[in-house]
Amino acid sequence: MPSWSWFLIWGVLLVALVLVVVFLGRRAWRKGRVALAAYGDLTRTASELERALDGLEDAAEKAAQRERAVFGDRDGYAFAWGMRMAERAHRRQARRDARVARGRLLTHSTQNWTS
């Protein structure tokens, strides 16, 4: 086989490879564009549904509050309020105790520069 035939064969193979890559790349590009457009539509639809869901949740909460205000258990609400106030007082006392403890650490430290 003459040497120019090898150049011809490899040239044809290289051109065929470029054509296949271009053809498949073009198809992949088109499919990617369509997929991104569909993703954008999905994102917009999901955000609209989320806004609608938030509106429904707000409406349901308002309806539940109205129902509790009219038909609620007065003793249960008083107990829950008392528990919240007790927890709040406990947290406040715990914060105060922590501040006192930090202050004691500062005044009774062995490396205290004021002593």
Protein backbone atom coordinates (compact mmCIF):
# COMPACT_ATOMS: atom_id res chain seq x y z
CA MET A 1 0.00 0.00 0.00
CA PRO A 2 1.36 3.38 -0.92
CA SER A 3 2.03 5.87 1.86
CA TRP A 4 -0.52 8.40 0.60
CA SER A 5 -3.29 5.82 1.18
CA TRP A 6 -2.56 5.87 4.92
CA PHE A 7 -2.97 9.65 4.94
CA LEU A 8 -6.19 9.31 2.99
CA ILE A 9 -7.60 6.64 5.34
CA TRP A 10 -6.65 8.55 8.50
CA GLY A 11 -7.95 11.80 6.99
CA VAL A 12 -11.32 10.19 6.22
CA LEU A 13 -11.46 8.68 9.72
CA LEU A 14 -10.63 12.05 11.26
CA VAL A 15 -13.31 13.83 9.23
CA ALA A 16 -15.82 11.12 10.17
CA LEU A 17 -14.89 11.51 13.83
CA VAL A 18 -15.37 15.28 13.67
CA LEU A 19 -18.74 14.85 11.95
CA VAL A 20 -19.94 12.34 14.56
CA VAL A 21 -18.78 14.57 17.42
CA VAL A 22 -20.51 17.59 15.86
CA PHE A 23 -23.72 15.64 15.23
CA LEU A 24 -23.85 14.16 18.75
CA GLY A 25 -22.80 17.46 20.34
CA ARG A 26 -25.57 19.31 18.50
CA ARG A 27 -28.16 16.79 19.73
CA ALA A 28 -26.82 17.01 23.28
CA TRP A 29 -26.86 20.83 23.11
CA ARG A 30 -30.49 20.86 21.98
CA LYS A 31 -31.54 18.37 24.65
CA GLY A 32 -29.68 20.37 27.29
CA ARG A 33 -31.41 23.59 26.26
CA VAL A 34 -34.82 21.91 26.39
CA ALA A 35 -34.00 20.38 29.80
CA LEU A 36 -32.94 23.76 31.21
CA ALA A 37 -36.10 25.39 29.86
CA ALA A 38 -38.20 22.65 31.47
CA TYR A 39 -36.27 23.15 34.73
CA GLY A 40 -37.05 26.87 34.61
CA ASP A 41 -40.75 26.12 34.09
CA LEU A 42 -40.66 23.64 36.96
CA THR A 43 -39.00 26.20 39.22
CA ARG A 44 -41.62 28.85 38.41
CA THR A 45 -44.45 26.37 38.97
CA ALA A 46 -42.93 25.21 42.27
CA SER A 47 -42.56 28.78 43.52
CA GLU A 48 -46.18 29.54 42.59
CA LEU A 49 -47.33 26.39 44.37
CA GLU A 50 -45.25 27.31 47.41
CA ARG A 51 -46.83 30.78 47.55
CA ALA A 52 -50.28 29.23 47.24
CA LEU A 53 -49.42 26.72 49.98
CA ASP A 54 -48.22 29.52 52.26
CA GLY A 55 -51.49 31.35 51.67
CA LEU A 56 -53.45 28.21 52.47
CA GLU A 57 -51.40 27.59 55.62
CA ASP A 58 -52.03 31.16 56.76
CA ALA A 59 -55.73 30.79 56.11
CA ALA A 60 -55.83 27.47 57.96
CA GLU A 61 -53.97 28.98 60.92
CA LYS A 62 -56.39 31.91 61.06
CA ALA A 63 -59.34 29.54 60.92
CA ALA A 64 -57.82 27.41 63.67
CA GLN A 65 -57.21 30.49 65.82
CA ARG A 66 -60.80 31.59 65.34
CA GLU A 67 -62.02 28.12 66.25
CA ARG A 68 -59.79 28.00 69.34
CA ALA A 69 -60.95 31.45 70.41
CA VAL A 70 -64.58 30.39 70.25
CA PHE A 71 -64.47 26.72 71.17
CA GLY A 72 -61.15 26.47 73.02
CA ASP A 73 -60.57 24.93 76.43
CA ARG A 74 -60.09 27.85 78.80
CA ASP A 75 -58.37 25.80 81.51
CA GLY A 76 -56.03 24.20 78.98
CA TYR A 77 -55.03 27.59 77.59
CA ALA A 78 -54.50 28.97 81.08
CA PHE A 79 -52.32 25.97 81.96
CA ALA A 80 -50.30 26.31 78.73
CA TRP A 81 -49.83 30.02 79.39
CA GLY A 82 -48.69 29.30 82.94
CA MET A 83 -46.22 26.70 81.68
CA ARG A 84 -44.79 29.16 79.13
CA MET A 85 -44.41 31.79 81.84
CA ALA A 86 -42.71 29.27 84.17
CA GLU A 87 -40.31 28.19 81.40
CA ARG A 88 -39.57 31.82 80.65
CA ALA A 89 -38.84 32.54 84.31
CA HIS A 90 -36.62 29.46 84.46
CA ARG A 91 -34.63 30.57 81.39
CA ARG A 92 -34.31 34.08 82.84
CA GLN A 93 -33.02 32.67 86.14
CA ALA A 94 -30.60 30.36 84.33
CA ARG A 95 -29.18 33.32 82.38
CA ARG A 96 -28.85 35.29 85.62
CA ASP A 97 -27.08 32.38 87.31
CA ALA A 98 -24.71 32.09 84.36
CA ARG A 99 -23.89 35.81 84.58
CA VAL A 100 -23.24 35.48 88.30
CA ALA A 101 -21.03 32.45 87.73
CA ARG A 102 -19.03 34.31 85.08
CA GLY A 103 -18.67 37.21 87.45
CA ARG A 104 -17.44 34.93 90.23
CA LEU A 105 -14.92 33.41 87.88
CA LEU A 106 -13.60 36.85 87.09
CA THR A 107 -13.32 37.97 90.74
CA HIS A 108 -12.01 34.71 92.26
CA SER A 109 -9.57 33.67 89.56
CA THR A 110 -6.01 32.79 90.58
CA GLN A 111 -4.71 34.91 87.72
CA ASN A 112 -6.83 37.91 88.63
CA TRP A 113 -4.78 41.06 88.25
CA THR A 114 -6.80 42.97 90.87
CA SER A 115 -6.03 40.63 93.79
